[in-house]
Every structure is written in structure tokens, then in C-alpha cells.
Amino acid sequence: MKTANQTGALASRLIALTLFTGALTACCALSAQPTDGTGGPRKPPAEALDACKSVSGGKECSFNSPQGKVTGTCWAPEGKPLACKPKDAPKQ
């Protein structure tokens, strides 16, 4: 038979584990959200939009970013403006 002290210690451990699991879940969920708060994909930078203002979709393009020169292809999802999509961008 368990003593009251053993039962209390077990209950304390279960409460601590539950709180830890909840905190860990909340941290993971928050870190997975986009930083702009919209819940969707980020908007392209103005330079990427400017690079495709006077051309049509599928044309080669380039622009300068803080990380250096970016080359790619003018592309837009349905209903969005054309932007220069980098060659190494993830497939959609």
C-alpha cells in the first residue's frame, strides 16, 4: 500500500510534467507561425516586385538584396502581382 507521502510526490511529478508539456507545446506552436502574423506566405520584397514590373511571367529577372544579387524568373500565384522568384526558391 502506498503512503500519503508517495502519492503526493507522484501527483506533484504528474503536475510538473503536465505543465512542462503544455509549455513546450506552446513554444513549438508559436515558433512555427510566420513573423508577419498573417498565417500565410510572406510577401516578396519590393525589389523582387520592381524587377518584374515591365515584363511578363516566365521571363528571367534579377535584383539586389542584402544577401547579394538574386537571379530568377518572374512568377506570380493566381491573383497576385509578378515578382522575381529566386532560382533556389522552394517548389510550390
N, C-alpha and C. Protein backbone atom coordinates (compact mmCIF):
# COMPACT_ATOMS: atom_id res chain seq x y z
N MET A 1 0.84 -1.17 0.00
CA MET A 1 0.00 0.00 0.00
C MET A 1 0.89 1.24 0.00
N LYS A 2 0.53 2.24 -0.81
CA LYS A 2 1.32 3.47 -0.91
C LYS A 2 0.98 4.39 0.25
N THR A 3 1.98 5.10 0.68
CA THR A 3 1.74 6.06 1.75
C THR A 3 1.25 7.37 1.15
N ALA A 4 0.72 8.21 1.98
CA ALA A 4 0.23 9.52 1.53
C ALA A 4 1.38 10.33 0.97
N ASN A 5 2.57 10.18 1.52
CA ASN A 5 3.74 10.92 1.05
C ASN A 5 4.12 10.49 -0.38
N GLN A 6 4.06 9.18 -0.66
CA GLN A 6 4.38 8.69 -2.00
C GLN A 6 3.34 9.16 -3.02
N THR A 7 2.08 9.15 -2.63
CA THR A 7 1.01 9.59 -3.52
C THR A 7 1.15 11.08 -3.82
N GLY A 8 1.48 11.88 -2.81
CA GLY A 8 1.68 13.31 -3.02
C GLY A 8 2.85 13.60 -3.94
N ALA A 9 3.94 12.84 -3.80
CA ALA A 9 5.11 13.03 -4.65
C ALA A 9 4.77 12.67 -6.10
N LEU A 10 4.02 11.60 -6.29
CA LEU A 10 3.62 11.19 -7.63
C LEU A 10 2.72 12.24 -8.27
N ALA A 11 1.79 12.77 -7.50
CA ALA A 11 0.89 13.80 -8.01
C ALA A 11 1.67 15.05 -8.38
N SER A 12 2.65 15.44 -7.59
CA SER A 12 3.48 16.61 -7.89
C SER A 12 4.26 16.40 -9.18
N ARG A 13 4.77 15.21 -9.37
CA ARG A 13 5.52 14.92 -10.61
C ARG A 13 4.61 14.98 -11.83
N LEU A 14 3.41 14.43 -11.71
CA LEU A 14 2.47 14.47 -12.83
C LEU A 14 2.07 15.90 -13.17
N ILE A 15 1.86 16.73 -12.18
CA ILE A 15 1.51 18.13 -12.42
C ILE A 15 2.67 18.85 -13.11
N ALA A 16 3.89 18.62 -12.63
CA ALA A 16 5.07 19.26 -13.24
C ALA A 16 5.24 18.81 -14.68
N LEU A 17 5.06 17.52 -14.94
CA LEU A 17 5.19 17.00 -16.30
C LEU A 17 4.12 17.59 -17.21
N THR A 18 2.90 17.73 -16.71
CA THR A 18 1.82 18.32 -17.50
C THR A 18 2.11 19.78 -17.84
N LEU A 19 2.59 20.53 -16.86
CA LEU A 19 2.93 21.94 -17.11
C LEU A 19 4.08 22.06 -18.11
N PHE A 20 5.09 21.22 -17.97
CA PHE A 20 6.22 21.25 -18.90
C PHE A 20 5.78 20.93 -20.32
N THR A 21 4.94 19.91 -20.46
CA THR A 21 4.45 19.53 -21.79
C THR A 21 3.62 20.65 -22.41
N GLY A 22 2.78 21.30 -21.62
CA GLY A 22 1.99 22.42 -22.13
C GLY A 22 2.86 23.58 -22.58
N ALA A 23 3.88 23.90 -21.77
CA ALA A 23 4.78 25.00 -22.13
C ALA A 23 5.56 24.67 -23.40
N LEU A 24 6.02 23.44 -23.52
CA LEU A 24 6.78 23.03 -24.71
C LEU A 24 5.90 23.08 -25.95
N THR A 25 4.67 22.64 -25.84
CA THR A 25 3.73 22.68 -26.97
C THR A 25 3.47 24.12 -27.40
N ALA A 26 3.27 25.01 -26.44
CA ALA A 26 3.03 26.43 -26.76
C ALA A 26 4.23 27.05 -27.45
N CYS A 27 5.43 26.74 -26.99
CA CYS A 27 6.64 27.28 -27.62
C CYS A 27 6.77 26.81 -29.06
N CYS A 28 6.54 25.53 -29.29
CA CYS A 28 6.64 24.99 -30.65
C CYS A 28 5.60 25.60 -31.57
N ALA A 29 4.40 25.77 -31.09
CA ALA A 29 3.33 26.35 -31.91
C ALA A 29 3.64 27.80 -32.25
N LEU A 30 4.16 28.56 -31.31
CA LEU A 30 4.48 29.96 -31.58
C LEU A 30 5.64 30.10 -32.55
N SER A 31 6.63 29.24 -32.44
CA SER A 31 7.79 29.37 -33.33
C SER A 31 7.47 28.94 -34.75
N ALA A 32 6.39 28.22 -34.96
CA ALA A 32 6.02 27.78 -36.30
C ALA A 32 5.20 28.81 -37.06
N GLN A 33 4.81 29.90 -36.42
CA GLN A 33 3.98 30.92 -37.06
C GLN A 33 4.84 31.92 -37.81
N PRO A 34 4.37 32.42 -38.97
CA PRO A 34 5.10 33.46 -39.69
C PRO A 34 5.22 34.72 -38.82
N THR A 35 6.30 35.45 -39.01
CA THR A 35 6.54 36.63 -38.18
C THR A 35 5.64 37.80 -38.54
N ASP A 36 5.04 37.80 -39.72
CA ASP A 36 4.17 38.93 -40.08
C ASP A 36 2.76 38.78 -39.53
N GLY A 37 2.45 37.65 -38.91
CA GLY A 37 1.17 37.46 -38.26
C GLY A 37 0.00 37.16 -39.17
N THR A 38 0.23 36.99 -40.46
CA THR A 38 -0.89 36.76 -41.37
C THR A 38 -1.25 35.29 -41.47
N GLY A 39 -0.35 34.41 -41.11
CA GLY A 39 -0.62 32.99 -41.20
C GLY A 39 -0.39 32.42 -42.58
N GLY A 40 0.03 33.21 -43.53
CA GLY A 40 0.27 32.74 -44.88
C GLY A 40 1.71 32.99 -45.29
N PRO A 41 1.97 32.80 -46.58
CA PRO A 41 3.34 33.05 -47.06
C PRO A 41 3.69 34.53 -46.97
N ARG A 42 4.99 34.79 -46.85
CA ARG A 42 5.45 36.17 -46.77
C ARG A 42 5.31 36.86 -48.12
N LYS A 43 5.20 38.18 -48.09
CA LYS A 43 5.15 38.97 -49.33
C LYS A 43 6.57 39.08 -49.88
N PRO A 44 6.70 39.14 -51.22
CA PRO A 44 8.03 39.33 -51.79
C PRO A 44 8.53 40.74 -51.49
N PRO A 45 9.84 40.92 -51.42
CA PRO A 45 10.37 42.27 -51.18
C PRO A 45 10.07 43.18 -52.37
N ALA A 46 10.06 44.47 -52.11
CA ALA A 46 9.76 45.45 -53.16
C ALA A 46 10.69 45.30 -54.35
N GLU A 47 11.95 44.97 -54.11
CA GLU A 47 12.92 44.81 -55.20
C GLU A 47 12.51 43.67 -56.14
N ALA A 48 11.94 42.60 -55.58
CA ALA A 48 11.51 41.47 -56.40
C ALA A 48 10.29 41.86 -57.25
N LEU A 49 9.42 42.66 -56.69
CA LEU A 49 8.26 43.14 -57.45
C LEU A 49 8.70 44.11 -58.55
N ASP A 50 9.61 45.03 -58.22
CA ASP A 50 10.09 46.00 -59.20
C ASP A 50 10.80 45.32 -60.37
N ALA A 51 11.49 44.22 -60.10
CA ALA A 51 12.24 43.52 -61.16
C ALA A 51 11.33 42.97 -62.24
N CYS A 52 10.04 42.81 -61.96
CA CYS A 52 9.12 42.22 -62.94
C CYS A 52 8.00 43.16 -63.36
N LYS A 53 8.13 44.45 -63.04
CA LYS A 53 7.07 45.40 -63.39
C LYS A 53 6.81 45.50 -64.88
N SER A 54 7.86 45.46 -65.69
CA SER A 54 7.70 45.71 -67.13
C SER A 54 7.90 44.46 -67.98
N VAL A 55 7.82 43.28 -67.39
CA VAL A 55 7.98 42.04 -68.16
C VAL A 55 6.82 41.10 -67.86
N SER A 56 6.76 40.01 -68.62
CA SER A 56 5.68 39.05 -68.42
C SER A 56 6.19 37.83 -67.64
N GLY A 57 5.27 37.01 -67.20
CA GLY A 57 5.62 35.82 -66.45
C GLY A 57 6.52 34.89 -67.22
N GLY A 58 7.43 34.25 -66.53
CA GLY A 58 8.35 33.30 -67.16
C GLY A 58 9.66 33.92 -67.63
N LYS A 59 9.76 35.24 -67.64
CA LYS A 59 10.98 35.92 -68.08
C LYS A 59 12.02 35.91 -66.96
N GLU A 60 13.29 35.90 -67.38
CA GLU A 60 14.38 35.96 -66.40
C GLU A 60 14.41 37.33 -65.74
N CYS A 61 14.83 37.36 -64.48
CA CYS A 61 14.89 38.62 -63.74
C CYS A 61 16.02 38.56 -62.72
N SER A 62 16.33 39.72 -62.16
CA SER A 62 17.33 39.78 -61.08
C SER A 62 17.10 41.05 -60.27
N PHE A 63 17.56 41.01 -59.02
CA PHE A 63 17.51 42.19 -58.16
C PHE A 63 18.57 42.05 -57.08
N ASN A 64 18.89 43.16 -56.46
CA ASN A 64 19.89 43.15 -55.39
C ASN A 64 19.18 43.08 -54.05
N SER A 65 19.68 42.19 -53.19
CA SER A 65 19.14 42.04 -51.84
C SER A 65 20.28 42.26 -50.85
N PRO A 66 19.98 42.35 -49.56
CA PRO A 66 21.06 42.48 -48.56
C PRO A 66 22.04 41.31 -48.60
N GLN A 67 21.60 40.15 -49.12
CA GLN A 67 22.49 38.98 -49.22
C GLN A 67 23.25 38.93 -50.54
N GLY A 68 23.02 39.89 -51.43
CA GLY A 68 23.70 39.92 -52.72
C GLY A 68 22.72 39.87 -53.88
N LYS A 69 23.23 39.65 -55.08
CA LYS A 69 22.41 39.63 -56.28
C LYS A 69 21.60 38.33 -56.33
N VAL A 70 20.30 38.48 -56.65
CA VAL A 70 19.39 37.35 -56.76
C VAL A 70 18.93 37.26 -58.20
N THR A 71 19.02 36.08 -58.79
CA THR A 71 18.52 35.86 -60.15
C THR A 71 17.40 34.83 -60.09
N GLY A 72 16.47 34.97 -61.02
CA GLY A 72 15.35 34.04 -61.02
C GLY A 72 14.45 34.25 -62.20
N THR A 73 13.16 33.97 -62.01
CA THR A 73 12.15 34.05 -63.05
C THR A 73 10.94 34.80 -62.51
N CYS A 74 10.34 35.64 -63.36
CA CYS A 74 9.13 36.35 -62.95
C CYS A 74 7.99 35.34 -62.83
N TRP A 75 7.33 35.36 -61.69
CA TRP A 75 6.29 34.38 -61.39
C TRP A 75 5.29 35.00 -60.43
N ALA A 76 4.05 34.55 -60.48
CA ALA A 76 3.03 35.02 -59.53
C ALA A 76 2.00 33.94 -59.31
N PRO A 77 1.59 33.75 -58.06
CA PRO A 77 0.44 32.88 -57.84
C PRO A 77 -0.82 33.58 -58.36
N GLU A 78 -1.86 32.83 -58.58
CA GLU A 78 -3.10 33.39 -59.14
C GLU A 78 -3.60 34.55 -58.29
N GLY A 79 -3.86 35.68 -58.96
CA GLY A 79 -4.40 36.85 -58.29
C GLY A 79 -3.37 37.73 -57.60
N LYS A 80 -2.10 37.41 -57.72
CA LYS A 80 -1.03 38.19 -57.07
C LYS A 80 -0.15 38.82 -58.15
N PRO A 81 0.58 39.90 -57.82
CA PRO A 81 1.45 40.53 -58.81
C PRO A 81 2.69 39.69 -59.09
N LEU A 82 3.25 39.91 -60.29
CA LEU A 82 4.50 39.23 -60.65
C LEU A 82 5.63 39.68 -59.73
N ALA A 83 6.50 38.74 -59.40
CA ALA A 83 7.70 39.04 -58.62
C ALA A 83 8.80 38.12 -59.08
N CYS A 84 10.02 38.54 -58.86
CA CYS A 84 11.18 37.73 -59.25
C CYS A 84 11.36 36.61 -58.23
N LYS A 85 11.08 35.39 -58.66
CA LYS A 85 11.20 34.21 -57.80
C LYS A 85 12.62 33.65 -57.96
N PRO A 86 13.41 33.63 -56.89
CA PRO A 86 14.79 33.14 -56.99
C PRO A 86 14.87 31.71 -57.52
N LYS A 87 15.95 31.43 -58.25
CA LYS A 87 16.16 30.10 -58.81
C LYS A 87 16.13 29.02 -57.73
N ASP A 88 16.65 29.34 -56.55
CA ASP A 88 16.74 28.34 -55.49
C ASP A 88 15.56 28.37 -54.52
N ALA A 89 14.45 29.04 -54.92
CA ALA A 89 13.26 29.09 -54.07
C ALA A 89 12.61 27.71 -53.99
N PRO A 90 11.95 27.39 -52.87
CA PRO A 90 11.27 26.10 -52.75
C PRO A 90 10.17 25.96 -53.79
N LYS A 91 9.93 24.75 -54.25
CA LYS A 91 8.86 24.47 -55.22
C LYS A 91 7.51 24.67 -54.54
N GLN A 92 6.51 25.09 -55.31
CA GLN A 92 5.16 25.28 -54.75
C GLN A 92 4.16 24.44 -55.48
